[in-house]
Amino acid sequence: MKTLTIAALSLLLSSAAVHAQEKSNVEISGTVKGQNSGKVYLQKFDNKMFFTLDSAELKDGTFKFKKTLKLPELYGLTIDKEESPLYVFLEKGKVDVSLDPEGYYRNSVVTGSASNDLFASYKKQKEVKIDAFIKENPSSLVAAYVFYRDFSYRLTPEEIRQNLQLLDPKLSNTPYVAVLKDLVNVLTSVGIGNKAPDFEGLTPEEKSTKLSDHFGKYLLLDFWASWCGPCRRENPNLVKAYQKYHDKGFEIFAVSLDKDKEAWLRGIKDDNLSWTHVSDLAFWNSSAAKLYGVRAIPSNVLIDPNGVIIGRNLRGEDLDKKLEELLATPLAKTP
């Protein structure tokens, strides 16, 4: 549903349409609630991760950055490099920030950026249809980012393609649109009925193993991470399915998007995950996740004994029903 807030912001943004991302001057001034000293870190967003660009000293609770940055673009501000920052869409000129660290910065206030105003308004909407949001804001970087972050993993390749056509072509040089265009091809290549692309990974013991080494049974390729709450909540369902169907010809090959090996190993142990595990400890830069177009976890692909993809994102009862159907008669054991 359209709102007056969205409509008004769309008018503001129409005069600041993205013609190209280019380096421009920006000044960020702000305060940090409850702190008079310390540092504020300016971070750059890249593939669901933030990387620190610069820091500013807090003086009497205030800070300032004067930088030449690629704009408009998504950046982050934080007082702790290990925690998720406040998301800030920066544009040319001066931006003021009241940084409140409590509750993951949810009560922070940003003024001076129409793009950030649009993003803040978007986050307050209960239901958003991505095609309608893009049509209202076709030239806004926010529309491209929201499409990339919140909808790419829900849509079919054709739906992604159709929504890409709604964006202003001048956004095509942004990383978000580049990822979405590539995702159309990747998701098409790993669609149901296609051969599962092979890859190699390192186990916790640092031994190399290929996905194809485990063909011959019904194989669930599971993408997860120890830091992923929904993944950890789904793991008991996987354990139950594994115990129920393993002897009938079911295997799991798990790829972790962890970046800390100890956390990965602890997650395997704590959740009693007794199947094959691999990881390149590359977080969202996981090569296997990119190969399969994984943009959110948990995510999985069900592969038949011949290495052909027969299902995707089957969880809980849906996975159990599918395996019951497939393994009503146990597979003959490979000699």
Protein backbone atom coordinates (compact mmCIF):
# COMPACT_ATOMS: atom_id res chain seq x y z
CA MET A 1 0.00 0.00 0.00
CA LYS A 2 1.27 3.47 -0.86
CA THR A 3 1.67 5.92 1.97
CA LEU A 4 1.95 9.67 2.07
CA THR A 5 5.39 9.33 3.61
CA ILE A 6 6.70 7.18 0.77
CA ALA A 7 5.09 9.42 -1.85
CA ALA A 8 6.58 12.56 -0.36
CA LEU A 9 10.02 11.01 -0.14
CA SER A 10 9.74 9.85 -3.74
CA LEU A 11 9.28 13.48 -4.81
CA LEU A 12 12.33 14.52 -2.83
CA LEU A 13 14.42 11.78 -4.37
CA SER A 14 13.32 12.45 -7.93
CA SER A 15 15.51 15.55 -7.98
CA ALA A 16 18.47 13.54 -6.69
CA ALA A 17 18.24 10.54 -8.97
CA VAL A 18 21.29 8.31 -9.23
CA HIS A 19 23.08 9.10 -12.47
CA ALA A 20 26.27 7.39 -11.41
CA GLN A 21 28.09 6.55 -8.25
CA GLU A 22 31.00 8.94 -8.04
CA LYS A 23 33.35 10.17 -5.35
CA SER A 24 32.03 13.27 -3.62
CA ASN A 25 32.58 15.20 -0.43
CA VAL A 26 30.47 14.42 2.61
CA GLU A 27 30.55 15.78 6.15
CA ILE A 28 29.13 13.67 8.96
CA SER A 29 28.64 15.35 12.32
CA GLY A 30 27.11 13.67 15.31
CA THR A 31 26.75 12.83 18.95
CA VAL A 32 26.82 9.54 20.86
CA LYS A 33 24.28 9.12 23.62
CA GLY A 34 25.82 8.31 26.99
CA GLN A 35 29.46 8.61 25.87
CA ASN A 36 31.89 11.50 26.04
CA SER A 37 35.04 9.74 24.84
CA GLY A 38 36.10 6.84 22.65
CA LYS A 39 35.87 6.37 18.90
CA VAL A 40 33.22 6.22 16.20
CA TYR A 41 33.98 4.02 13.18
CA LEU A 42 32.88 4.75 9.64
CA GLN A 43 32.31 1.55 7.67
CA LYS A 44 31.61 0.61 4.06
CA PHE A 45 29.00 -2.00 3.12
CA ASP A 46 30.05 -4.80 0.78
CA ASN A 47 28.23 -8.13 0.24
CA LYS A 48 26.31 -8.14 3.53
CA MET A 49 29.46 -7.16 5.44
CA PHE A 50 30.87 -3.88 6.77
CA PHE A 51 34.55 -2.93 6.52
CA THR A 52 36.07 -0.09 8.55
CA LEU A 53 37.25 2.90 6.49
CA ASP A 54 38.08 5.46 9.16
CA SER A 55 37.59 6.45 12.78
CA ALA A 56 36.90 9.71 14.60
CA GLU A 57 37.63 10.58 18.21
CA LEU A 58 34.73 11.48 20.45
CA LYS A 59 35.25 14.89 22.05
CA ASP A 60 32.68 15.80 24.67
CA GLY A 61 30.33 13.30 23.08
CA THR A 62 30.63 14.70 19.54
CA PHE A 63 32.38 13.43 16.42
CA LYS A 64 32.96 14.52 12.83
CA PHE A 65 34.05 12.94 9.55
CA LYS A 66 35.01 14.88 6.41
CA LYS A 67 35.55 12.35 3.67
CA THR A 68 35.55 11.88 -0.07
CA LEU A 69 33.38 8.81 -0.59
CA LYS A 70 31.58 6.96 -3.34
CA LEU A 71 28.05 8.42 -3.23
CA PRO A 72 25.22 7.75 -2.93
CA GLU A 73 25.98 4.54 -1.06
CA LEU A 74 25.30 2.62 2.14
CA TYR A 75 27.73 3.12 5.01
CA GLY A 76 27.74 2.23 8.67
CA LEU A 77 28.52 4.06 11.92
CA THR A 78 29.39 2.20 15.11
CA ILE A 79 31.31 2.51 18.36
CA ASP A 80 32.18 -1.21 18.27
CA LYS A 81 33.73 -2.74 15.14
CA GLU A 82 32.56 -6.21 16.20
CA GLU A 83 28.87 -5.26 16.27
CA SER A 84 26.42 -4.46 13.50
CA PRO A 85 26.51 -0.68 12.82
CA LEU A 86 23.84 1.90 12.23
CA TYR A 87 22.99 1.76 8.52
CA VAL A 88 23.30 5.20 6.88
CA PHE A 89 22.67 6.02 3.22
CA LEU A 90 25.00 8.93 2.52
CA GLU A 91 24.63 11.60 -0.14
CA LYS A 92 26.58 14.72 -1.02
CA GLY A 93 26.71 17.41 1.61
CA LYS A 94 26.24 17.46 5.36
CA VAL A 95 24.62 14.71 7.41
CA ASP A 96 23.84 14.89 11.12
CA VAL A 97 23.62 11.75 13.27
CA SER A 98 22.42 11.21 16.83
CA LEU A 99 23.95 7.83 17.57
CA ASP A 100 22.21 5.80 20.29
CA PRO A 101 24.06 2.49 20.86
CA GLU A 102 21.19 0.88 22.79
CA GLY A 103 19.17 -1.78 20.98
CA TYR A 104 21.41 -2.05 17.91
CA TYR A 105 21.11 1.71 17.26
CA ARG A 106 17.36 1.47 16.65
CA ASN A 107 16.67 4.86 18.30
CA SER A 108 19.41 6.69 16.39
CA VAL A 109 18.40 9.62 14.20
CA VAL A 110 19.89 10.64 10.84
CA THR A 111 19.08 13.94 9.12
CA GLY A 112 20.32 15.46 5.87
CA SER A 113 19.92 12.46 3.54
CA ALA A 114 16.71 11.94 1.57
CA SER A 115 17.84 8.40 0.72
CA ASN A 116 18.21 7.58 4.39
CA ASP A 117 14.76 9.05 5.07
CA LEU A 118 13.32 6.72 2.44
CA PHE A 119 15.10 3.71 3.94
CA ALA A 120 13.85 4.59 7.44
CA SER A 121 10.31 4.89 6.10
CA TYR A 122 10.62 1.57 4.27
CA LYS A 123 11.64 -0.21 7.47
CA LYS A 124 8.46 0.97 9.19
CA GLN A 125 6.19 -0.55 6.55
CA LYS A 126 4.59 -3.87 7.54
CA GLU A 127 4.07 -5.12 4.02
CA VAL A 128 6.00 -3.95 0.99
CA LYS A 129 5.63 -5.23 -2.55
CA ILE A 130 8.98 -4.82 -4.22
CA ASP A 131 7.56 -4.04 -7.66
CA ALA A 132 5.43 -1.23 -6.22
CA PHE A 133 8.33 0.12 -4.17
CA ILE A 134 10.61 0.19 -7.21
CA LYS A 135 7.93 1.88 -9.35
CA GLU A 136 7.63 4.62 -6.73
CA ASN A 137 11.42 5.03 -6.44
CA PRO A 138 12.97 3.76 -9.70
CA SER A 139 16.04 6.01 -9.49
CA SER A 140 16.79 5.53 -5.80
CA LEU A 141 19.74 3.47 -4.63
CA VAL A 142 17.52 2.45 -1.72
CA ALA A 143 15.14 0.63 -4.09
CA ALA A 144 18.06 -1.32 -5.56
CA TYR A 145 19.42 -2.13 -2.09
CA VAL A 146 16.07 -3.24 -0.66
CA PHE A 147 15.50 -5.45 -3.71
CA TYR A 148 19.00 -6.93 -3.28
CA ARG A 149 18.80 -7.44 0.50
CA ASP A 150 15.21 -8.33 1.31
CA PHE A 151 13.72 -9.83 -1.82
CA SER A 152 16.38 -11.50 -3.98
CA TYR A 153 16.26 -14.77 -2.01
CA ARG A 154 12.45 -14.96 -2.19
CA LEU A 155 12.03 -14.51 -5.93
CA THR A 156 12.38 -16.73 -8.96
CA PRO A 157 14.92 -15.82 -11.65
CA GLU A 158 12.11 -14.51 -13.86
CA GLU A 159 10.69 -12.36 -11.03
CA ILE A 160 14.15 -10.90 -10.40
CA ARG A 161 14.53 -10.17 -14.10
CA GLN A 162 11.13 -8.44 -14.28
CA ASN A 163 11.87 -6.24 -11.26
CA LEU A 164 15.30 -5.32 -12.59
CA GLN A 165 13.57 -3.87 -15.65
CA LEU A 166 11.67 -1.47 -13.38
CA LEU A 167 14.86 0.14 -12.07
CA ASP A 168 16.37 3.19 -13.74
CA PRO A 169 19.11 1.93 -16.11
CA LYS A 170 21.46 4.47 -14.52
CA LEU A 171 21.52 2.24 -11.44
CA SER A 172 23.09 -0.57 -13.45
CA ASN A 173 26.60 0.42 -12.32
CA THR A 174 25.75 -0.19 -8.65
CA PRO A 175 26.97 -3.38 -6.95
CA TYR A 176 23.42 -4.33 -5.94
CA VAL A 177 22.14 -4.45 -9.51
CA ALA A 178 25.28 -6.30 -10.61
CA VAL A 179 24.64 -9.00 -8.00
CA LEU A 180 20.99 -9.27 -8.99
CA LYS A 181 21.81 -9.65 -12.67
CA ASP A 182 24.32 -12.37 -11.89
CA LEU A 183 21.82 -14.04 -9.56
CA VAL A 184 19.35 -14.52 -12.41
CA ASN A 185 21.89 -16.67 -14.24
CA VAL A 186 23.07 -18.53 -11.14
CA LEU A 187 19.59 -19.42 -9.89
CA THR A 188 18.63 -20.58 -13.37
CA SER A 189 21.67 -22.87 -13.48
CA VAL A 190 20.82 -24.46 -10.10
CA GLY A 191 17.11 -24.83 -10.75
CA ILE A 192 15.21 -28.06 -10.18
CA GLY A 193 16.05 -30.59 -12.87
CA ASN A 194 19.62 -29.37 -13.38
CA LYS A 195 22.79 -31.17 -12.42
CA ALA A 196 24.13 -29.93 -9.09
CA PRO A 197 27.35 -27.94 -9.66
CA ASP A 198 30.29 -29.65 -8.02
CA PHE A 199 32.70 -27.95 -5.63
CA GLU A 200 35.37 -28.83 -3.13
CA GLY A 201 35.63 -27.84 0.51
CA LEU A 202 37.70 -28.37 3.63
CA THR A 203 36.34 -30.34 6.57
CA PRO A 204 37.03 -29.33 10.20
CA GLU A 205 40.02 -31.69 10.00
CA GLU A 206 41.20 -29.70 6.93
CA LYS A 207 40.69 -32.62 4.59
CA SER A 208 39.42 -31.87 1.10
CA THR A 209 36.15 -33.41 -0.04
CA LYS A 210 33.93 -32.83 -3.07
CA LEU A 211 30.16 -32.59 -3.13
CA SER A 212 30.13 -35.24 -5.87
CA ASP A 213 31.98 -37.65 -3.57
CA HIS A 214 28.66 -37.95 -1.73
CA PHE A 215 26.39 -38.56 -4.71
CA GLY A 216 24.67 -41.96 -4.86
CA LYS A 217 22.17 -41.21 -2.09
CA TYR A 218 19.56 -38.51 -1.58
CA LEU A 219 21.77 -35.66 -0.48
CA LEU A 220 20.76 -32.45 1.27
CA LEU A 221 23.22 -29.64 0.58
CA ASP A 222 22.66 -27.43 3.62
CA PHE A 223 23.93 -23.85 3.99
CA TRP A 224 24.08 -22.59 7.57
CA ALA A 225 26.28 -20.83 10.16
CA SER A 226 26.73 -21.02 13.91
CA TRP A 227 25.85 -17.30 14.20
CA CYS A 228 22.54 -17.78 12.34
CA GLY A 229 19.63 -18.06 14.79
CA PRO A 230 17.12 -19.52 12.29
CA CYS A 231 19.75 -22.09 11.24
CA ARG A 232 20.29 -23.23 14.80
CA ARG A 233 16.53 -23.52 15.33
CA GLU A 234 16.24 -25.65 12.18
CA ASN A 235 19.13 -27.96 13.11
CA PRO A 236 17.03 -30.21 15.41
CA ASN A 237 14.74 -30.92 12.44
CA LEU A 238 17.77 -31.91 10.37
CA VAL A 239 19.04 -34.17 13.15
CA LYS A 240 15.63 -35.84 13.35
CA ALA A 241 15.49 -36.35 9.56
CA TYR A 242 19.04 -37.68 9.49
CA GLN A 243 18.36 -40.20 12.25
CA LYS A 244 15.12 -41.31 10.59
CA TYR A 245 16.29 -41.63 6.98
CA HIS A 246 20.07 -42.04 7.01
CA ASP A 247 19.94 -45.85 6.94
CA LYS A 248 17.44 -45.68 4.06
CA GLY A 249 19.78 -43.66 1.85
CA PHE A 250 19.82 -40.04 3.05
CA GLU A 251 22.93 -37.91 3.59
CA ILE A 252 23.64 -34.29 4.49
CA PHE A 253 26.54 -32.19 3.21
CA ALA A 254 26.72 -28.96 5.21
CA VAL A 255 28.42 -25.74 4.13
CA SER A 256 29.01 -23.19 6.87
CA LEU A 257 29.18 -19.44 6.29
CA ASP A 258 31.09 -19.02 9.54
CA LYS A 259 34.24 -16.92 9.68
CA ASP A 260 35.46 -18.20 13.06
CA LYS A 261 36.53 -21.84 13.09
CA GLU A 262 36.05 -22.32 16.82
CA ALA A 263 32.49 -21.02 16.64
CA TRP A 264 31.82 -23.33 13.68
CA LEU A 265 33.16 -26.39 15.52
CA ARG A 266 31.26 -25.48 18.67
CA GLY A 267 28.02 -25.18 16.69
CA ILE A 268 28.54 -28.63 15.14
CA LYS A 269 29.17 -30.17 18.55
CA ASP A 270 26.41 -28.37 20.45
CA ASP A 271 23.76 -29.22 17.84
CA ASN A 272 24.93 -32.85 17.38
CA LEU A 273 25.42 -32.50 13.63
CA SER A 274 27.00 -35.84 12.74
CA TRP A 275 27.30 -35.47 8.99
CA THR A 276 29.90 -34.06 6.58
CA HIS A 277 30.83 -30.40 7.10
CA VAL A 278 32.93 -28.00 5.03
CA SER A 279 33.68 -24.29 5.15
CA ASP A 280 36.11 -21.80 3.64
CA LEU A 281 35.42 -19.53 6.66
CA ALA A 282 34.67 -16.68 4.27
CA PHE A 283 31.34 -15.50 5.71
CA TRP A 284 29.13 -14.15 2.88
CA ASN A 285 32.05 -14.52 0.45
CA SER A 286 31.63 -18.30 0.67
CA SER A 287 32.44 -19.67 -2.79
CA ALA A 288 29.90 -22.50 -2.46
CA ALA A 289 27.14 -20.09 -1.42
CA LYS A 290 27.88 -17.92 -4.44
CA LEU A 291 27.86 -20.98 -6.72
CA TYR A 292 24.33 -21.83 -5.56
CA GLY A 293 22.97 -18.29 -5.40
CA VAL A 294 22.50 -18.36 -1.62
CA ARG A 295 21.50 -14.90 -0.37
CA ALA A 296 19.98 -15.93 2.98
CA ILE A 297 20.42 -18.82 5.40
CA PRO A 298 19.29 -21.40 6.29
CA SER A 299 19.08 -22.55 2.71
CA ASN A 300 19.28 -26.01 1.18
CA VAL A 301 19.21 -28.00 -2.03
CA LEU A 302 17.99 -31.59 -2.26
CA ILE A 303 19.95 -33.71 -4.76
CA ASP A 304 19.00 -37.16 -6.06
CA PRO A 305 21.43 -40.12 -6.28
CA ASN A 306 22.38 -39.10 -9.84
CA GLY A 307 23.41 -35.60 -8.75
CA VAL A 308 20.27 -33.87 -10.09
CA ILE A 309 18.56 -31.11 -8.08
CA ILE A 310 15.04 -32.16 -7.07
CA GLY A 311 14.15 -29.64 -4.35
CA ARG A 312 15.13 -26.40 -2.68
CA ASN A 313 14.62 -24.93 0.77
CA LEU A 314 12.73 -27.88 2.23
CA ARG A 315 12.47 -27.58 6.01
CA GLY A 316 10.77 -29.27 8.94
CA GLU A 317 7.66 -31.21 7.94
CA ASP A 318 8.16 -30.42 4.24
CA LEU A 319 11.57 -32.10 4.26
CA ASP A 320 10.22 -35.08 6.21
CA LYS A 321 7.32 -35.60 3.80
CA LYS A 322 9.62 -35.37 0.78
CA LEU A 323 12.08 -37.88 2.21
CA GLU A 324 9.23 -40.21 3.22
CA GLU A 325 8.00 -40.11 -0.36
CA LEU A 326 11.43 -40.69 -1.86
CA LEU A 327 12.65 -43.31 0.60
CA ALA A 328 9.56 -45.41 1.15
CA THR A 329 11.77 -48.14 -0.29
CA PRO A 330 15.36 -47.90 0.97
CA LEU A 331 18.07 -47.40 -1.65
CA ALA A 332 20.18 -50.43 -2.42
CA LYS A 333 23.58 -50.09 -0.78
CA THR A 334 26.46 -49.31 -3.11
CA PRO A 335 28.92 -52.23 -3.11
